[in-house]
PDB file of N, CA and C in Angstrom:
ATOM      1  N   MET A   1      54.831  77.257 -88.008  1.00  0.00           N
ATOM      2  CA  MET A   1      55.035  78.682 -88.071  1.00  0.00           C
ATOM      3  C   MET A   1      54.076  79.241 -89.114  1.00  0.00           C
ATOM      4  N   LYS A   2      53.486  80.359 -88.817  1.00  0.00           N
ATOM      5  CA  LYS A   2      52.595  81.013 -89.768  1.00  0.00           C
ATOM      6  C   LYS A   2      53.371  82.023 -90.591  1.00  0.00           C
ATOM      7  N   THR A   3      52.976  82.127 -91.870  1.00  0.00           N
ATOM      8  CA  THR A   3      53.580  83.110 -92.757  1.00  0.00           C
ATOM      9  C   THR A   3      52.558  83.507 -93.809  1.00  0.00           C
ATOM     10  N   THR A   4      52.803  84.592 -94.466  1.00  0.00           N
ATOM     11  CA  THR A   4      51.920  85.044 -95.540  1.00  0.00           C
ATOM     12  C   THR A   4      52.699  85.020 -96.843  1.00  0.00           C
ATOM     13  N   VAL A   5      52.092  84.406 -97.855  1.00  0.00           N
ATOM     14  CA  VAL A   5      52.729  84.294 -99.160  1.00  0.00           C
ATOM     15  C   VAL A   5      51.696  84.645-100.216  1.00  0.00           C
ATOM     16  N   GLU A   6      52.098  85.438-101.201  1.00  0.00           N
ATOM     17  CA  GLU A   6      51.202  85.737-102.312  1.00  0.00           C
ATOM     18  C   GLU A   6      51.377  84.673-103.377  1.00  0.00           C
ATOM     19  N   ILE A   7      50.256  84.064-103.780  1.00  0.00           N
ATOM     20  CA  ILE A   7      50.254  83.007-104.786  1.00  0.00           C
ATOM     21  C   ILE A   7      49.263  83.397-105.872  1.00  0.00           C
ATOM     22  N   ASP A   8      49.621  83.129-107.110  1.00  0.00           N
ATOM     23  CA  ASP A   8      48.730  83.380-108.231  1.00  0.00           C
ATOM     24  C   ASP A   8      47.363  82.746-107.969  1.00  0.00           C
ATOM     25  N   ASP A   9      46.284  83.483-108.252  1.00  0.00           N
ATOM     26  CA  ASP A   9      44.924  83.005-107.960  1.00  0.00           C
ATOM     27  C   ASP A   9      44.631  81.666-108.618  1.00  0.00           C
ATOM     28  N   ASP A  10      44.980  81.529-109.903  1.00  0.00           N
ATOM     29  CA  ASP A  10      44.707  80.284-110.613  1.00  0.00           C
ATOM     30  C   ASP A  10      45.506  79.126-110.021  1.00  0.00           C
ATOM     31  N   LEU A  11      46.750  79.382-109.664  1.00  0.00           N
ATOM     32  CA  LEU A  11      47.594  78.345-109.063  1.00  0.00           C
ATOM     33  C   LEU A  11      47.019  77.912-107.710  1.00  0.00           C
ATOM     34  N   LEU A  12      46.555  78.865-106.929  1.00  0.00           N
ATOM     35  CA  LEU A  12      45.968  78.538-105.624  1.00  0.00           C
ATOM     36  C   LEU A  12      44.698  77.711-105.800  1.00  0.00           C
ATOM     37  N   ARG A  13      43.864  78.068-106.779  1.00  0.00           N
ATOM     38  CA  ARG A  13      42.651  77.278-107.035  1.00  0.00           C
ATOM     39  C   ARG A  13      43.014  75.848-107.406  1.00  0.00           C
ATOM     40  N   GLN A  14      44.012  75.694-108.267  1.00  0.00           N
ATOM     41  CA  GLN A  14      44.441  74.355-108.659  1.00  0.00           C
ATOM     42  C   GLN A  14      44.975  73.561-107.464  1.00  0.00           C
ATOM     43  N   ALA A  15      45.720  74.229-106.615  1.00  0.00           N
ATOM     44  CA  ALA A  15      46.287  73.565-105.434  1.00  0.00           C
ATOM     45  C   ALA A  15      45.184  73.128-104.478  1.00  0.00           C
ATOM     46  N   LYS A  16      44.198  73.984-104.271  1.00  0.00           N
ATOM     47  CA  LYS A  16      43.076  73.634-103.388  1.00  0.00           C
ATOM     48  C   LYS A  16      42.301  72.450-103.953  1.00  0.00           C
ATOM     49  N   LEU A  17      42.082  72.461-105.272  1.00  0.00           N
ATOM     50  CA  LEU A  17      41.376  71.357-105.912  1.00  0.00           C
ATOM     51  C   LEU A  17      42.156  70.056-105.780  1.00  0.00           C
ATOM     52  N   ARG A  18      43.475  70.106-106.028  1.00  0.00           N
ATOM     53  CA  ARG A  18      44.307  68.901-105.907  1.00  0.00           C
ATOM     54  C   ARG A  18      44.288  68.371-104.475  1.00  0.00           C
ATOM     55  N   ALA A  19      44.382  69.255-103.503  1.00  0.00           N
ATOM     56  CA  ALA A  19      44.350  68.832-102.099  1.00  0.00           C
ATOM     57  C   ALA A  19      43.021  68.167-101.769  1.00  0.00           C
ATOM     58  N   ALA A  20      41.925  68.756-102.247  1.00  0.00           N
ATOM     59  CA  ALA A  20      40.600  68.183-101.992  1.00  0.00           C
ATOM     60  C   ALA A  20      40.463  66.812-102.655  1.00  0.00           C
ATOM     61  N   GLU A  21      40.968  66.679-103.880  1.00  0.00           N
ATOM     62  CA  GLU A  21      40.919  65.390-104.574  1.00  0.00           C
ATOM     63  C   GLU A  21      41.662  64.313-103.807  1.00  0.00           C
ATOM     64  N   ARG A  22      42.731  64.709-103.152  1.00  0.00           N
ATOM     65  CA  ARG A  22      43.543  63.744-102.399  1.00  0.00           C
ATOM     66  C   ARG A  22      43.087  63.595-100.952  1.00  0.00           C
ATOM     67  N   GLY A  23      42.115  64.395-100.563  1.00  0.00           N
ATOM     68  CA  GLY A  23      41.622  64.326 -99.194  1.00  0.00           C
ATOM     69  C   GLY A  23      42.625  64.829 -98.174  1.00  0.00           C
ATOM     70  N   GLU A  24      43.397  65.807 -98.555  1.00  0.00           N
ATOM     71  CA  GLU A  24      44.386  66.371 -97.643  1.00  0.00           C
ATOM     72  C   GLU A  24      44.220  67.880 -97.558  1.00  0.00           C
ATOM     73  N   SER A  25      44.882  68.460 -96.605  1.00  0.00           N
ATOM     74  CA  SER A  25      44.799  69.909 -96.433  1.00  0.00           C
ATOM     75  C   SER A  25      45.705  70.614 -97.436  1.00  0.00           C
ATOM     76  N   LEU A  26      45.369  71.857 -97.713  1.00  0.00           N
ATOM     77  CA  LEU A  26      46.216  72.680 -98.572  1.00  0.00           C
ATOM     78  C   LEU A  26      47.607  72.800 -97.954  1.00  0.00           C
ATOM     79  N   ARG A  27      47.643  72.937 -96.637  1.00  0.00           N
ATOM     80  CA  ARG A  27      48.922  73.056 -95.940  1.00  0.00           C
ATOM     81  C   ARG A  27      49.824  71.850 -96.210  1.00  0.00           C
ATOM     82  N   SER A  28      49.269  70.639 -96.091  1.00  0.00           N
ATOM     83  CA  SER A  28      50.105  69.448 -96.292  1.00  0.00           C
ATOM     84  C   SER A  28      50.563  69.337 -97.741  1.00  0.00           C
ATOM     85  N   LEU A  29      49.698  69.713 -98.700  1.00  0.00           N
ATOM     86  CA  LEU A  29      50.092  69.700-100.099  1.00  0.00           C
ATOM     87  C   LEU A  29      51.243  70.668-100.343  1.00  0.00           C
ATOM     88  N   LEU A  30      51.136  71.875 -99.827  1.00  0.00           N
ATOM     89  CA  LEU A  30      52.180  72.873-100.001  1.00  0.00           C
ATOM     90  C   LEU A  30      53.480  72.463 -99.312  1.00  0.00           C
ATOM     91  N   GLU A  31      53.380  71.924 -98.106  1.00  0.00           N
ATOM     92  CA  GLU A  31      54.585  71.494 -97.391  1.00  0.00           C
ATOM     93  C   GLU A  31      55.302  70.373 -98.140  1.00  0.00           C
ATOM     94  N   ARG A  32      54.520  69.408 -98.655  1.00  0.00           N
ATOM     95  CA  ARG A  32      55.113  68.296 -99.388  1.00  0.00           C
ATOM     96  C   ARG A  32      55.783  68.796-100.670  1.00  0.00           C
ATOM     97  N   GLY A  33      55.110  69.692-101.390  1.00  0.00           N
ATOM     98  CA  GLY A  33      55.692  70.238-102.608  1.00  0.00           C
ATOM     99  C   GLY A  33      56.964  71.022-102.339  1.00  0.00           C
ATOM    100  N   LEU A  34      56.960  71.819-101.294  1.00  0.00           N
ATOM    101  CA  LEU A  34      58.144  72.593-100.935  1.00  0.00           C
ATOM    102  C   LEU A  34      59.287  71.668-100.512  1.00  0.00           C
ATOM    103  N   GLN A  35      58.954  70.623 -99.764  1.00  0.00           N
ATOM    104  CA  GLN A  35      59.978  69.665 -99.341  1.00  0.00           C
ATOM    105  C   GLN A  35      60.616  68.972-100.541  1.00  0.00           C
ATOM    106  N   ARG A  36      59.788  68.586-101.514  1.00  0.00           N
ATOM    107  CA  ARG A  36      60.320  67.936-102.719  1.00  0.00           C
ATOM    108  C   ARG A  36      61.252  68.876-103.472  1.00  0.00           C
ATOM    109  N   GLU A  37      60.866  70.122-103.591  1.00  0.00           N
ATOM    110  CA  GLU A  37      61.702  71.094-104.297  1.00  0.00           C
ATOM    111  C   GLU A  37      63.042  71.268-103.590  1.00  0.00           C
ATOM    112  N   LEU A  38      63.022  71.352-102.288  1.00  0.00           N
ATOM    113  CA  LEU A  38      64.265  71.526-101.529  1.00  0.00           C
ATOM    114  C   LEU A  38      65.161  70.296-101.636  1.00  0.00           C
ATOM    115  N   GLU A  39      64.569  69.121-101.614  1.00  0.00           N
ATOM    116  CA  GLU A  39      65.357  67.894-101.751  1.00  0.00           C
ATOM    117  C   GLU A  39      65.943  67.783-103.151  1.00  0.00           C
ATOM    118  N   ALA A  40      65.181  68.161-104.176  1.00  0.00           N
ATOM    119  CA  ALA A  40      65.671  68.100-105.552  1.00  0.00           C
ATOM    120  C   ALA A  40      66.827  69.064-105.747  1.00  0.00           C
ATOM    121  N   THR A  41      66.762  70.214-105.140  1.00  0.00           N
ATOM    122  CA  THR A  41      67.817  71.204-105.258  1.00  0.00           C
ATOM    123  C   THR A  41      69.108  70.689-104.646  1.00  0.00           C
ATOM    124  N   ASP A  42      69.010  69.938-103.561  1.00  0.00           N
ATOM    125  CA  ASP A  42      70.195  69.425-102.888  1.00  0.00           C
ATOM    126  C   ASP A  42      70.925  68.370-103.712  1.00  0.00           C
ATOM    127  N   THR A  43      70.254  67.742-104.669  1.00  0.00           N
ATOM    128  CA  THR A  43      70.880  66.666-105.429  1.00  0.00           C
ATOM    129  C   THR A  43      71.577  67.166-106.688  1.00  0.00           C
ATOM    130  N   ARG A  44      71.469  68.436-106.996  1.00  0.00           N
ATOM    131  CA  ARG A  44      72.132  68.972-108.187  1.00  0.00           C
ATOM    132  C   ARG A  44      73.647  68.986-107.980  1.00  0.00           C
ATOM    133  N   PRO A  45      74.384  68.760-109.066  1.00  0.00           N
ATOM    134  CA  PRO A  45      75.842  68.826-108.931  1.00  0.00           C
ATOM    135  C   PRO A  45      76.284  70.228-108.530  1.00  0.00           C
ATOM    136  N   THR A  46      77.280  70.299-107.678  1.00  0.00           N
ATOM    137  CA  THR A  46      77.740  71.600-107.209  1.00  0.00           C
ATOM    138  C   THR A  46      78.838  72.168-108.091  1.00  0.00           C
ATOM    139  N   ARG A  47      79.374  71.364-108.991  1.00  0.00           N
ATOM    140  CA  ARG A  47      80.402  71.886-109.875  1.00  0.00           C
ATOM    141  C   ARG A  47      80.008  71.642-111.322  1.00  0.00           C
ATOM    142  N   TYR A  48      80.484  72.497-112.167  1.00  0.00           N
ATOM    143  CA  TYR A  48      80.173  72.419-113.586  1.00  0.00           C
ATOM    144  C   TYR A  48      81.019  71.331-114.231  1.00  0.00           C
ATOM    145  N   GLU A  49      80.393  70.538-115.074  1.00  0.00           N
ATOM    146  CA  GLU A  49      81.099  69.486-115.787  1.00  0.00           C
ATOM    147  C   GLU A  49      81.379  69.968-117.212  1.00  0.00           C
ATOM    148  N   PHE A  50      82.639  70.050-117.583  1.00  0.00           N
ATOM    149  CA  PHE A  50      83.014  70.450-118.931  1.00  0.00           C
ATOM    150  C   PHE A  50      82.972  69.246-119.860  1.00  0.00           C
ATOM    151  N   ARG A  51      82.523  69.471-121.092  1.00  0.00           N
ATOM    152  CA  ARG A  51      82.547  68.388-122.071  1.00  0.00           C
ATOM    153  C   ARG A  51      83.989  68.173-122.521  1.00  0.00           C
ATOM    154  N   ASP A  52      84.237  67.024-123.113  1.00  0.00           N
ATOM    155  CA  ASP A  52      85.582  66.714-123.598  1.00  0.00           C
ATOM    156  C   ASP A  52      85.835  67.528-124.857  1.00  0.00           C
ATOM    157  N   ALA A  53      86.680  68.532-124.757  1.00  0.00           N
ATOM    158  CA  ALA A  53      87.020  69.367-125.913  1.00  0.00           C
ATOM    159  C   ALA A  53      88.484  69.181-126.288  1.00  0.00           C
ATOM    160  N   SER A  54      89.033  68.076-125.884  1.00  0.00           N
ATOM    161  CA  SER A  54      90.433  67.808-126.208  1.00  0.00           C
ATOM    162  C   SER A  54      90.559  67.435-127.683  1.00  0.00           C
ATOM    163  N   VAL A  55      91.766  67.404-128.172  1.00  0.00           N
ATOM    164  CA  VAL A  55      91.993  67.014-129.555  1.00  0.00           C
ATOM    165  C   VAL A  55      91.424  65.618-129.784  1.00  0.00           C
ATOM    166  N   ALA A  56      91.592  64.745-128.834  1.00  0.00           N
ATOM    167  CA  ALA A  56      91.056  63.392-128.964  1.00  0.00           C
ATOM    168  C   ALA A  56      89.528  63.404-128.961  1.00  0.00           C
ATOM    169  N   GLY A  57      88.935  64.499-128.440  1.00  0.00           N
ATOM    170  CA  GLY A  57      87.482  64.620-128.413  1.00  0.00           C
ATOM    171  C   GLY A  57      86.884  64.921-129.771  1.00  0.00           C
ATOM    172  N   GLY A  58      87.713  65.220-130.760  1.00  0.00           N
ATOM    173  CA  GLY A  58      87.251  65.376-132.119  1.00  0.00           C
ATOM    174  C   GLY A  58      86.766  66.755-132.513  1.00  0.00           C
ATOM    175  N   TRP A  59      87.015  67.771-131.718  1.00  0.00           N
ATOM    176  CA  TRP A  59      86.510  69.103-132.067  1.00  0.00           C
ATOM    177  C   TRP A  59      87.429  69.869-133.000  1.00  0.00           C
ATOM    178  N   VAL A  60      88.671  69.429-133.146  1.00  0.00           N
ATOM    179  CA  VAL A  60      89.629  70.127-133.992  1.00  0.00           C
ATOM    180  C   VAL A  60      89.425  69.693-135.435  1.00  0.00           C
ATOM    181  N   LYS A  61      89.358  70.676-136.346  1.00  0.00           N
ATOM    182  CA  LYS A  61      89.208  70.362-137.761  1.00  0.00           C
ATOM    183  C   LYS A  61      90.459  69.642-138.253  1.00  0.00           C
ATOM    184  N   PRO A  62      90.281  68.702-139.168  1.00  0.00           N
ATOM    185  CA  PRO A  62      91.418  67.905-139.649  1.00  0.00           C
ATOM    186  C   PRO A  62      92.549  68.743-140.238  1.00  0.00           C
ATOM    187  N   GLU A  63      92.219  69.896-140.857  1.00  0.00           N
ATOM    188  CA  GLU A  63      93.279  70.705-141.457  1.00  0.00           C
ATOM    189  C   GLU A  63      94.218  71.318-140.421  1.00  0.00           C
ATOM    190  N   PHE A  64      93.844  71.289-139.145  1.00  0.00           N
ATOM    191  CA  PHE A  64      94.706  71.818-138.096  1.00  0.00           C
ATOM    192  C   PHE A  64      95.584  70.740-137.469  1.00  0.00           C
ATOM    193  N   LEU A  65      95.408  69.515-137.894  1.00  0.00           N
ATOM    194  CA  LEU A  65      96.184  68.428-137.320  1.00  0.00           C
ATOM    195  C   LEU A  65      97.308  68.048-138.253  1.00  0.00           C
ATOM    196  N   PRO A  66      98.491  67.737-137.836  1.00  0.00           N
ATOM    197  CA  PRO A  66      98.888  67.942-136.439  1.00  0.00           C
ATOM    198  C   PRO A  66      98.811  69.417-136.070  1.00  0.00           C
ATOM    199  N   TRP A  67      98.641  69.657-134.807  1.00  0.00           N
ATOM    200  CA  TRP A  67      98.396  70.990-134.261  1.00  0.00           C
ATOM    201  C   TRP A  67      99.536  71.948-134.583  1.00  0.00           C
ATOM    202  N   HIS A  68      99.244  72.958-135.387  1.00  0.00           N
ATOM    203  CA  HIS A  68     100.234  73.968-135.737  1.00  0.00           C
ATOM    204  C   HIS A  68      99.630  75.342-135.516  1.00  0.00           C
ATOM    205  N   TRP A  69     100.213  76.108-134.627  1.00  0.00           N
ATOM    206  CA  TRP A  69      99.698  77.450-134.337  1.00  0.00           C
ATOM    207  C   TRP A  69      99.781  78.364-135.554  1.00  0.00           C
ATOM    208  N   ASP A  70     100.747  78.139-136.418  1.00  0.00           N
ATOM    209  CA  ASP A  70     100.848  78.969-137.619  1.00  0.00           C
ATOM    210  C   ASP A  70      99.599  78.824-138.483  1.00  0.00           C
ATOM    211  N   LYS A  71      99.117  77.613-138.635  1.00  0.00           N
ATOM    212  CA  LYS A  71      97.912  77.366-139.431  1.00  0.00           C
ATOM    213  C   LYS A  71      96.694  77.983-138.749  1.00  0.00           C
ATOM    214  N   VAL A  72      96.589  77.837-137.447  1.00  0.00           N
ATOM    215  CA  VAL A  72      95.470  78.418-136.694  1.00  0.00           C
ATOM    216  C   VAL A  72      95.482  79.937-136.864  1.00  0.00           C
ATOM    217  N   ARG A  73      96.637  80.529-136.710  1.00  0.00           N
ATOM    218  CA  ARG A  73      96.772  81.980-136.839  1.00  0.00           C
ATOM    219  C   ARG A  73      96.392  82.436-138.245  1.00  0.00           C
ATOM    220  N   GLU A  74      96.835  81.699-139.254  1.00  0.00           N
ATOM    221  CA  GLU A  74      96.543  82.034-140.650  1.00  0.00           C
ATOM    222  C   GLU A  74      95.029  82.054-140.910  1.00  0.00           C
ATOM    223  N   VAL A  75      94.343  81.020-140.444  1.00  0.00           N
ATOM    224  CA  VAL A  75      92.899  80.937-140.625  1.00  0.00           C
ATOM    225  C   VAL A  75      92.173  82.004-139.822  1.00  0.00           C
ATOM    226  N   ALA A  76      92.657  82.296-138.624  1.00  0.00           N
ATOM    227  CA  ALA A  76      92.004  83.286-137.768  1.00  0.00           C
ATOM    228  C   ALA A  76      92.059  84.674-138.375  1.00  0.00           C
ATOM    229  N   TYR A  77      93.131  84.968-139.103  1.00  0.00           N
ATOM    230  CA  TYR A  77      93.297  86.305-139.675  1.00  0.00           C
ATOM    231  C   TYR A  77      92.948  86.378-141.155  1.00  0.00           C
ATOM    232  N   GLU A  78      92.333  85.325-141.705  1.00  0.00           N
ATOM    233  CA  GLU A  78      91.929  85.352-143.099  1.00  0.00           C
ATOM    234  C   GLU A  78      90.864  86.418-143.321  1.00  0.00           C
ATOM    235  N   ASP A  79      90.867  87.009-144.502  1.00  0.00           N
ATOM    236  CA  ASP A  79      89.843  87.969-144.870  1.00  0.00           C
ATOM    237  C   ASP A  79      88.597  87.176-145.261  1.00  0.00           C
ATOM    238  N   PRO A  80      87.494  87.309-144.516  1.00  0.00           N
ATOM    239  CA  PRO A  80      86.310  86.485-144.803  1.00  0.00           C
ATOM    240  C   PRO A  80      85.683  86.813-146.149  1.00  0.00           C
ATOM    241  N   ASP A  81      86.003  87.970-146.733  1.00  0.00           N
ATOM    242  CA  ASP A  81      85.430  88.358-148.019  1.00  0.00           C
ATOM    243  C   ASP A  81      86.224  87.849-149.201  1.00  0.00           C
ATOM    244  N   SER A  82      87.374  87.234-148.941  1.00  0.00           N
ATOM    245  CA  SER A  82      88.193  86.789-150.070  1.00  0.00           C
ATOM    246  C   SER A  82      87.879  85.360-150.449  1.00  0.00           C
TER     247      SER A  82
END
């Protein structure tokens, strides 16, 4: 199928040079590059992986352990200038 695409002049020159160095057509170089990009995109995880932020994961400061909401609330409402 034929299509028209605008490509940066410098990028096109580099692509033509690379194709010539490899003894292939610009078309085959572009098709191969596009195919690789599409295949790489398909291998990305489809869901976000959350890091372990549990208490056992070590993110809680020791002064909050054992977990007490009163202490958390106290620190959250402290006057930072005092």
